[in-house]
Protein backbone atom coordinates (compact mmCIF):
# COMPACT_ATOMS: atom_id res chain seq x y z
CA VAL A 1 -15.88 -5.63 -5.90
CA SER A 2 -13.08 -3.46 -7.32
CA THR A 3 -12.58 -2.37 -10.92
CA PHE A 4 -10.24 -0.03 -12.78
CA ASN A 5 -10.96 1.49 -16.19
CA GLY A 6 -7.43 2.68 -16.86
CA GLU A 7 -7.97 6.04 -15.18
CA THR A 8 -10.28 5.58 -12.20
CA ALA A 9 -10.70 2.84 -9.61
CA PHE A 10 -14.13 1.89 -8.27
CA LEU A 11 -15.05 -0.06 -5.13
CA ARG A 12 -18.58 -1.38 -4.71
CA LYS A 13 -20.28 -3.17 -1.84
CA ILE A 14 -22.89 -5.69 -3.02
CA ASP A 15 -25.52 -7.05 -0.63
CA PHE A 16 -26.88 -10.45 -1.78
CA SER A 17 -28.93 -11.13 1.36
CA ASN A 18 -32.07 -10.77 -0.75
CA PHE A 19 -31.57 -12.16 -4.26
CA GLU A 20 -34.72 -10.42 -5.43
CA ASP A 21 -33.41 -7.04 -4.31
CA VAL A 22 -29.62 -6.97 -4.64
CA VAL A 23 -28.23 -3.71 -3.27
CA VAL A 24 -25.12 -2.15 -4.84
CA GLU A 25 -23.37 0.65 -2.97
CA ASP A 26 -20.47 2.71 -4.33
CA ILE A 27 -17.73 3.26 -1.77
CA VAL A 28 -15.98 6.63 -1.90
CA LEU A 29 -12.27 5.96 -2.15
CA PRO A 30 -9.58 8.14 -0.57
CA GLN A 31 -7.58 7.73 -3.80
CA ASP A 32 -8.84 6.37 -7.11
CA ASN A 33 -6.02 6.72 -9.62
CA ASP A 34 -4.63 3.18 -9.52
CA TYR A 35 -5.57 -0.49 -9.19
CA ILE A 36 -7.07 -1.84 -5.97
CA ASN A 37 -5.11 -5.10 -5.67
CA CYS A 38 -5.62 -5.87 -1.98
CA ILE A 39 -8.91 -5.96 -0.10
CA LEU A 40 -8.90 -7.64 3.31
CA PHE A 41 -11.76 -7.75 5.82
CA THR A 42 -10.00 -8.08 9.16
CA ASP A 43 -12.96 -9.04 11.37
CA PRO A 44 -15.10 -12.07 10.38
CA ALA A 45 -17.93 -10.69 12.48
CA SER A 46 -18.01 -7.32 10.72
CA ALA A 47 -17.80 -6.19 7.09
CA ASP A 48 -16.98 -2.67 8.30
CA LYS A 49 -13.32 -3.31 9.14
CA VAL A 50 -11.30 -3.41 5.95
CA ILE A 51 -7.81 -2.68 4.64
CA ILE A 52 -7.12 -1.93 0.97
CA THR A 53 -4.21 -0.97 -1.21
CA VAL A 54 -4.61 1.54 -4.03
CA GLY A 55 -1.42 1.32 -6.04
CA ASN A 56 1.34 1.80 -3.48
CA SER A 57 -0.90 3.32 -0.78
CA VAL A 58 -2.47 1.44 2.14
CA TYR A 59 -5.78 2.57 3.66
CA LYS A 60 -7.79 1.29 6.59
CA SER A 61 -11.46 1.77 7.43
CA ALA A 62 -13.46 0.80 10.52
CA ASP A 63 -16.84 1.95 9.21
CA GLY A 64 -17.27 0.14 5.92
CA GLY A 65 -15.48 2.74 3.83
CA THR A 66 -17.28 5.83 5.04
CA THR A 67 -13.95 7.18 6.31
CA TRP A 68 -10.41 6.04 5.62
CA SER A 69 -7.06 6.31 7.39
CA HIS A 70 -3.93 6.50 5.25
CA ILE A 71 -1.37 4.13 6.77
CA THR A 72 2.24 5.12 6.14
CA GLN A 73 4.32 3.90 9.09
CA GLY A 74 6.92 1.44 7.84
CA LEU A 75 5.92 1.87 4.19
CA ASP A 76 8.33 4.60 3.12
CA ASP A 77 10.07 2.34 0.61
CA LEU A 78 6.81 1.21 -1.04
CA GLU A 79 7.16 3.80 -3.77
CA LEU A 80 5.82 3.62 -7.31
CA PRO A 81 6.21 1.67 -9.49
CA ASN A 82 6.13 -0.77 -6.54
CA ILE A 83 2.63 -1.80 -5.48
CA GLY A 84 0.84 -4.13 -3.08
CA ILE A 85 -0.38 -7.34 -4.74
CA THR A 86 -2.11 -9.68 -2.27
CA MET A 87 -2.95 -9.37 1.43
CA VAL A 88 -3.69 -12.05 4.05
CA GLN A 89 -4.32 -12.39 7.77
CA ASN A 90 -2.39 -14.82 9.94
CA PRO A 91 -4.94 -17.45 11.04
CA LEU A 92 -2.97 -17.96 14.27
CA ASN A 93 -2.76 -14.25 15.09
CA LYS A 94 -5.55 -12.02 13.80
CA GLN A 95 -3.50 -8.92 14.55
CA GLN A 96 -0.85 -9.96 12.04
CA ILE A 97 -1.58 -8.88 8.49
CA THR A 98 0.85 -9.47 5.66
CA PHE A 99 0.94 -8.40 2.03
CA SER A 100 3.07 -9.25 -0.97
CA ALA A 101 4.45 -6.45 -3.09
CA SER A 102 6.60 -5.93 -6.13
CA ASN A 103 9.47 -5.04 -3.78
CA GLY A 104 9.00 -7.76 -1.17
CA ILE A 105 6.76 -8.71 1.76
CA TYR A 106 5.38 -6.39 4.43
CA THR A 107 3.84 -7.49 7.71
CA SER A 108 1.97 -5.75 10.52
CA LYS A 109 1.49 -7.14 14.03
CA ASP A 110 -0.86 -4.41 15.24
CA GLY A 111 -3.80 -4.87 12.89
CA GLY A 112 -2.36 -2.80 10.05
CA GLU A 113 -1.37 0.36 11.92
CA SER A 114 2.38 -0.05 11.28
CA TRP A 115 4.39 -2.22 8.94
CA THR A 116 7.80 -3.85 8.55
CA ARG A 117 9.32 -5.14 5.32
CA ILE A 118 10.44 -8.71 6.04
CA TYR A 119 11.56 -9.75 2.54
CA ASP A 120 13.01 -7.53 -0.18
CA LYS A 121 12.43 -9.26 -3.53
CA PHE A 122 9.42 -9.43 -5.85
CA VAL A 123 6.71 -11.92 -4.82
CA TYR A 124 3.15 -12.40 -6.08
CA SER A 125 1.49 -14.01 -3.10
CA VAL A 126 2.07 -14.79 0.56
CA GLN A 127 0.45 -17.11 3.10
CA HIS A 128 0.78 -17.97 6.78
CA SER A 129 0.55 -21.56 7.98
CA PRO A 130 -2.67 -22.37 9.87
CA PHE A 131 -0.79 -25.05 11.84
CA ASN A 132 2.60 -23.61 12.82
CA TYR A 133 3.16 -20.08 14.04
CA GLY A 134 5.95 -18.32 12.18
CA TYR A 135 5.74 -20.41 9.00
CA ILE A 136 5.39 -18.08 5.99
CA VAL A 137 5.54 -18.92 2.30
CA ALA A 138 5.52 -16.72 -0.81
CA GLY A 139 5.26 -17.54 -4.49
CA ILE A 140 6.67 -15.96 -7.62
CA ASN A 141 5.19 -16.27 -11.12
CA THR A 142 7.07 -15.89 -14.38
CA ASN A 143 7.16 -12.23 -15.40
CA MET A 144 9.53 -10.83 -18.04
CA ASP A 145 13.00 -11.30 -16.49
CA ILE A 146 11.59 -12.63 -13.18
CA ILE A 147 11.85 -16.41 -12.87
CA PRO A 148 9.28 -18.39 -10.86
CA GLY A 149 9.98 -19.82 -7.47
CA VAL A 150 9.02 -20.26 -3.83
CA VAL A 151 10.46 -18.54 -0.77
CA TYR A 152 9.66 -19.57 2.77
CA SER A 153 10.54 -18.96 6.39
CA SER A 154 10.04 -21.28 9.34
CA ASP A 155 11.10 -18.76 11.98
CA GLY A 156 8.81 -15.79 11.51
CA SER A 157 10.87 -14.20 8.69
CA GLU A 158 14.25 -14.16 10.45
CA ASN A 159 15.64 -16.44 7.75
CA TRP A 160 14.38 -17.22 4.24
CA LYS A 161 15.03 -20.09 1.86
CA GLU A 162 14.53 -19.83 -1.90
CA ILE A 163 13.58 -22.55 -4.38
CA LYS A 164 14.30 -21.54 -7.95
CA SER A 165 12.73 -22.55 -11.24
CA ASP A 166 15.25 -25.31 -12.06
CA LYS A 167 13.20 -27.43 -9.66
CA PHE A 168 10.15 -26.87 -11.89
CA TYR A 169 11.72 -27.91 -15.21
CA GLU A 170 12.17 -24.26 -16.26
CA SER A 171 8.41 -24.01 -16.85
CA ILE A 172 6.56 -20.75 -17.37
CA VAL A 173 4.37 -20.35 -14.26
CA TRP A 174 1.35 -18.04 -14.47
CA ALA A 175 -0.49 -19.00 -11.26
CA HIS A 176 0.07 -20.95 -8.05
CA THR A 177 -1.54 -21.87 -4.77
CA PHE A 178 -0.44 -23.38 -1.44
CA LYS A 179 -1.68 -26.20 0.80
CA PHE A 180 -0.18 -26.41 4.28
CA ASN A 181 -0.18 -29.80 6.01
CA GLU A 182 0.01 -30.58 9.71
CA ASN A 183 3.23 -32.59 9.29
CA ASN A 184 5.36 -29.54 8.34
CA LEU A 185 4.96 -30.27 4.63
CA LEU A 186 3.76 -27.67 2.15
CA ASP A 187 2.30 -28.56 -1.23
CA VAL A 188 2.74 -25.88 -3.89
CA TYR A 189 0.62 -26.20 -7.04
CA PHE A 190 1.87 -24.40 -10.15
CA ALA A 191 -0.22 -23.70 -13.24
CA THR A 192 2.15 -23.67 -16.22
CA THR A 193 1.80 -22.89 -19.90
CA ASP A 194 3.67 -26.00 -21.03
CA LEU A 195 3.40 -28.81 -18.43
CA GLY A 196 -0.09 -28.30 -17.03
CA VAL A 197 -0.40 -28.28 -13.23
CA MET A 198 2.64 -29.34 -11.21
CA ARG A 199 2.88 -30.08 -7.49
CA TYR A 200 6.05 -29.45 -5.53
CA THR A 201 6.34 -30.44 -1.86
CA VAL A 202 8.46 -28.41 0.55
CA ASP A 203 9.56 -29.61 3.99
CA LEU A 204 9.18 -26.56 6.25
CA THR A 205 10.84 -28.19 9.27
CA PRO A 206 13.36 -25.70 10.70
CA ASP A 207 17.01 -26.73 10.38
CA PHE A 208 17.45 -26.96 14.15
CA CYS A 209 14.63 -29.52 14.27
CA ALA A 210 15.65 -31.54 11.22
């Protein structure tokens, strides 16, 4: 569990294995002056392997947060006020980890040791398809002068397509989620302030297969 009181970030590990004796452990952070937006456990068999972002910095631990490695390779342009927002693991390649940021999308194919920026505009979230390797989708919420939309790639980020808000009736979008389907279709669900929940379906079939 991560919290931020406006000055200091806190990360706590909570053990619920015994509901009559819940154990809370404070994790010493390598940096605690900004929000912890991303927390990703990279090994389902172990809670010790974790990657976090603190503001614009990425850290990796293999011992449950006892020690941390500051990861910088490929992240030179992730400078404040840009920050990491959400982080996911590719279900078809556990070594590929991807995170959305206020200046684009970054991906790593070596378990988080080095990174490459694969998209260079603001996105809130990113997901990999569990059915088709190389299918990536990202979503954008309404934020000040940023209009909502969806961007996606069907070729591992070589090419991107953008769907802008005129497809969503110019609604104000404050949250969204994705549902990949086996038939190359993607359902995007938008939570809006004026039209409730909308669903928009995207055909992810690459142009050369269409």
